[in-house]
Amino acid sequence: MEIKKLDLAEARQVCDEHMMYDFPDNERKPFSSIEGMARKGWYRCLGFYEEERLAAYAFRIFADDIMDTGNGCGMGRKGRIE
């Protein structure tokens, strides 16, 4: 299995072709939100491929650096995960 970081065009395609069937409306973010967070480096869109065919995907926020409010209640380590 190959894991690939998706660019925004590929992520849009996954949203359009798969997420609408895999998740109910109230569990999906608008793509504009995904795009904005990805451009800031807070969001990762990954595709898992078997024989060049999308087998699974994961869209995840990596917000450790934006979750720290300075009051000691931040989550995890500082910095973005690349």
N, C-alpha and C. Protein backbone atom coordinates (compact mmCIF):
# COMPACT_ATOMS: atom_id res chain seq x y z
N MET A 1 0.85 -1.17 0.00
CA MET A 1 0.00 0.00 0.00
C MET A 1 0.89 1.24 0.00
N GLU A 2 0.54 2.19 -0.82
CA GLU A 2 1.27 3.45 -0.90
C GLU A 2 0.44 4.55 -0.23
N ILE A 3 1.08 5.36 0.58
CA ILE A 3 0.42 6.51 1.21
C ILE A 3 0.92 7.76 0.52
N LYS A 4 0.00 8.59 0.08
CA LYS A 4 0.35 9.79 -0.66
C LYS A 4 -0.33 11.00 -0.04
N LYS A 5 0.45 12.07 0.17
CA LYS A 5 -0.13 13.34 0.60
C LYS A 5 -0.83 13.95 -0.61
N LEU A 6 -2.11 14.21 -0.49
CA LEU A 6 -2.89 14.72 -1.61
C LEU A 6 -2.73 16.23 -1.73
N ASP A 7 -2.61 16.71 -2.97
CA ASP A 7 -2.65 18.15 -3.17
C ASP A 7 -4.11 18.58 -3.14
N LEU A 8 -4.36 19.88 -3.21
CA LEU A 8 -5.74 20.37 -3.07
C LEU A 8 -6.66 19.87 -4.18
N ALA A 9 -6.16 19.75 -5.39
CA ALA A 9 -7.00 19.24 -6.49
C ALA A 9 -7.39 17.78 -6.23
N GLU A 10 -6.45 17.00 -5.76
CA GLU A 10 -6.74 15.59 -5.44
C GLU A 10 -7.68 15.48 -4.25
N ALA A 11 -7.48 16.33 -3.26
CA ALA A 11 -8.36 16.33 -2.09
C ALA A 11 -9.78 16.71 -2.50
N ARG A 12 -9.91 17.69 -3.36
CA ARG A 12 -11.23 18.10 -3.87
C ARG A 12 -11.92 16.93 -4.58
N GLN A 13 -11.15 16.20 -5.37
CA GLN A 13 -11.69 15.05 -6.09
C GLN A 13 -12.20 13.99 -5.11
N VAL A 14 -11.43 13.71 -4.07
CA VAL A 14 -11.87 12.74 -3.05
C VAL A 14 -13.15 13.23 -2.38
N CYS A 15 -13.20 14.52 -2.05
CA CYS A 15 -14.42 15.07 -1.44
C CYS A 15 -15.62 14.89 -2.36
N ASP A 16 -15.43 15.23 -3.62
CA ASP A 16 -16.54 15.18 -4.58
C ASP A 16 -16.98 13.76 -4.91
N GLU A 17 -16.02 12.85 -4.98
CA GLU A 17 -16.34 11.50 -5.44
C GLU A 17 -16.58 10.47 -4.34
N HIS A 18 -16.12 10.76 -3.12
CA HIS A 18 -16.22 9.74 -2.07
C HIS A 18 -16.90 10.21 -0.79
N MET A 19 -16.49 11.37 -0.29
CA MET A 19 -16.98 11.79 1.03
C MET A 19 -18.50 11.94 1.07
N MET A 20 -19.07 12.39 -0.03
CA MET A 20 -20.52 12.60 -0.02
C MET A 20 -21.27 11.29 0.18
N TYR A 21 -20.64 10.16 -0.16
CA TYR A 21 -21.26 8.85 0.04
C TYR A 21 -20.84 8.21 1.35
N ASP A 22 -19.67 8.61 1.86
CA ASP A 22 -19.12 7.97 3.05
C ASP A 22 -19.55 8.62 4.36
N PHE A 23 -19.97 9.88 4.30
CA PHE A 23 -20.33 10.61 5.52
C PHE A 23 -21.63 11.38 5.31
N PRO A 24 -22.47 11.47 6.35
CA PRO A 24 -23.67 12.31 6.24
C PRO A 24 -23.29 13.79 6.17
N ASP A 25 -24.19 14.59 5.66
CA ASP A 25 -23.94 16.03 5.48
C ASP A 25 -23.43 16.70 6.75
N ASN A 26 -24.01 16.36 7.89
CA ASN A 26 -23.64 17.05 9.14
C ASN A 26 -22.26 16.64 9.68
N GLU A 27 -21.60 15.67 9.04
CA GLU A 27 -20.27 15.25 9.47
C GLU A 27 -19.18 15.70 8.50
N ARG A 28 -19.54 16.39 7.44
CA ARG A 28 -18.56 16.83 6.45
C ARG A 28 -18.31 18.32 6.57
N LYS A 29 -17.04 18.68 6.48
CA LYS A 29 -16.67 20.11 6.42
C LYS A 29 -16.85 20.59 5.00
N PRO A 30 -17.19 21.85 4.81
CA PRO A 30 -17.17 22.40 3.45
C PRO A 30 -15.72 22.37 2.94
N PHE A 31 -15.55 22.14 1.64
CA PHE A 31 -14.20 22.06 1.10
C PHE A 31 -13.45 23.37 1.32
N SER A 32 -14.14 24.48 1.33
CA SER A 32 -13.46 25.77 1.57
C SER A 32 -12.76 25.78 2.93
N SER A 33 -13.34 25.13 3.93
CA SER A 33 -12.69 25.03 5.25
C SER A 33 -11.46 24.14 5.19
N ILE A 34 -11.59 23.00 4.51
CA ILE A 34 -10.46 22.09 4.35
C ILE A 34 -9.33 22.80 3.62
N GLU A 35 -9.68 23.48 2.55
CA GLU A 35 -8.67 24.18 1.74
C GLU A 35 -7.96 25.26 2.56
N GLY A 36 -8.71 26.05 3.31
CA GLY A 36 -8.11 27.10 4.12
C GLY A 36 -7.16 26.56 5.16
N MET A 37 -7.57 25.49 5.85
CA MET A 37 -6.69 24.90 6.87
C MET A 37 -5.48 24.24 6.24
N ALA A 38 -5.65 23.62 5.06
CA ALA A 38 -4.52 22.98 4.38
C ALA A 38 -3.50 24.04 3.94
N ARG A 39 -3.97 25.16 3.45
CA ARG A 39 -3.05 26.23 3.02
C ARG A 39 -2.25 26.80 4.20
N LYS A 40 -2.83 26.75 5.40
CA LYS A 40 -2.12 27.23 6.60
C LYS A 40 -1.22 26.16 7.19
N GLY A 41 -1.28 24.95 6.65
CA GLY A 41 -0.45 23.86 7.17
C GLY A 41 -1.06 23.13 8.34
N TRP A 42 -2.34 23.36 8.61
CA TRP A 42 -3.00 22.75 9.75
C TRP A 42 -3.70 21.45 9.41
N TYR A 43 -3.88 21.15 8.15
CA TYR A 43 -4.71 20.03 7.73
C TYR A 43 -3.94 19.17 6.75
N ARG A 44 -4.06 17.86 6.88
CA ARG A 44 -3.41 16.93 5.97
C ARG A 44 -4.48 16.06 5.31
N CYS A 45 -4.32 15.88 4.03
CA CYS A 45 -5.21 15.02 3.25
C CYS A 45 -4.34 13.90 2.68
N LEU A 46 -4.64 12.67 3.06
CA LEU A 46 -3.84 11.53 2.65
C LEU A 46 -4.68 10.54 1.86
N GLY A 47 -4.07 9.95 0.84
CA GLY A 47 -4.70 8.88 0.08
C GLY A 47 -3.90 7.61 0.27
N PHE A 48 -4.57 6.50 0.42
CA PHE A 48 -3.95 5.19 0.58
C PHE A 48 -4.29 4.40 -0.68
N TYR A 49 -3.26 4.04 -1.43
CA TYR A 49 -3.46 3.44 -2.75
C TYR A 49 -2.96 2.01 -2.79
N GLU A 50 -3.74 1.16 -3.43
CA GLU A 50 -3.35 -0.21 -3.75
C GLU A 50 -3.42 -0.34 -5.26
N GLU A 51 -2.28 -0.66 -5.85
CA GLU A 51 -2.19 -0.80 -7.30
C GLU A 51 -2.75 0.43 -8.02
N GLU A 52 -2.34 1.61 -7.53
CA GLU A 52 -2.71 2.91 -8.11
C GLU A 52 -4.20 3.23 -8.01
N ARG A 53 -4.94 2.49 -7.19
CA ARG A 53 -6.36 2.73 -6.98
C ARG A 53 -6.58 3.19 -5.53
N LEU A 54 -7.35 4.25 -5.36
CA LEU A 54 -7.62 4.75 -4.01
C LEU A 54 -8.37 3.69 -3.21
N ALA A 55 -7.76 3.26 -2.12
CA ALA A 55 -8.36 2.24 -1.26
C ALA A 55 -8.96 2.86 0.00
N ALA A 56 -8.37 3.97 0.45
CA ALA A 56 -8.84 4.65 1.66
C ALA A 56 -8.28 6.06 1.64
N TYR A 57 -8.84 6.89 2.51
CA TYR A 57 -8.34 8.26 2.63
C TYR A 57 -8.51 8.72 4.06
N ALA A 58 -7.72 9.71 4.42
CA ALA A 58 -7.80 10.30 5.76
C ALA A 58 -7.56 11.80 5.63
N PHE A 59 -8.48 12.56 6.17
CA PHE A 59 -8.34 14.02 6.24
C PHE A 59 -8.28 14.34 7.71
N ARG A 60 -7.20 14.98 8.13
CA ARG A 60 -7.00 15.18 9.57
C ARG A 60 -6.39 16.54 9.85
N ILE A 61 -6.87 17.15 10.92
CA ILE A 61 -6.30 18.41 11.37
C ILE A 61 -5.13 18.11 12.30
N PHE A 62 -4.05 18.84 12.12
CA PHE A 62 -2.89 18.78 13.01
C PHE A 62 -2.78 20.15 13.64
N ALA A 63 -3.45 20.32 14.75
CA ALA A 63 -3.60 21.66 15.31
C ALA A 63 -2.94 21.84 16.65
N ASP A 64 -1.95 21.03 16.97
CA ASP A 64 -1.30 21.18 18.27
C ASP A 64 -0.82 22.61 18.49
N ASP A 65 -0.28 23.23 17.43
CA ASP A 65 0.26 24.57 17.58
C ASP A 65 -0.82 25.64 17.68
N ILE A 66 -2.03 25.37 17.22
CA ILE A 66 -3.08 26.38 17.32
C ILE A 66 -4.01 26.10 18.50
N MET A 67 -3.88 24.93 19.12
CA MET A 67 -4.74 24.59 20.24
C MET A 67 -4.22 25.13 21.56
N ASP A 68 -2.96 25.51 21.63
CA ASP A 68 -2.39 26.01 22.87
C ASP A 68 -2.85 27.44 23.09
N THR A 69 -3.58 27.66 24.15
CA THR A 69 -4.11 28.99 24.45
C THR A 69 -3.18 29.79 25.35
N GLY A 70 -2.05 29.20 25.71
CA GLY A 70 -1.11 29.90 26.58
C GLY A 70 -1.40 29.72 28.05
N ASN A 71 -2.44 28.94 28.36
CA ASN A 71 -2.79 28.74 29.77
C ASN A 71 -2.41 27.35 30.26
N GLY A 72 -1.53 26.69 29.50
CA GLY A 72 -1.10 25.36 29.92
C GLY A 72 -2.06 24.26 29.54
N CYS A 73 -3.07 24.58 28.77
CA CYS A 73 -4.07 23.57 28.38
C CYS A 73 -3.93 23.12 26.94
N GLY A 74 -2.80 23.46 26.30
CA GLY A 74 -2.59 23.04 24.92
C GLY A 74 -2.48 21.53 24.82
N MET A 75 -2.62 21.03 23.63
CA MET A 75 -2.57 19.59 23.41
C MET A 75 -1.28 19.24 22.67
N GLY A 76 -0.55 18.25 23.16
CA GLY A 76 0.61 17.74 22.44
C GLY A 76 1.77 18.70 22.36
N ARG A 77 2.65 18.43 21.40
CA ARG A 77 3.85 19.24 21.26
C ARG A 77 3.58 20.42 20.34
N LYS A 78 4.47 21.37 20.38
CA LYS A 78 4.36 22.55 19.54
C LYS A 78 4.89 22.25 18.14
N GLY A 79 4.40 23.00 17.20
CA GLY A 79 4.92 22.90 15.83
C GLY A 79 4.03 22.08 14.94
N ARG A 80 4.19 22.31 13.67
CA ARG A 80 3.39 21.61 12.67
C ARG A 80 4.05 20.28 12.31
N ILE A 81 3.24 19.32 12.00
CA ILE A 81 3.73 18.03 11.52
C ILE A 81 3.76 18.10 10.01
N GLU A 82 4.91 17.86 9.44
CA GLU A 82 5.06 17.92 7.96
C GLU A 82 5.00 16.55 7.39
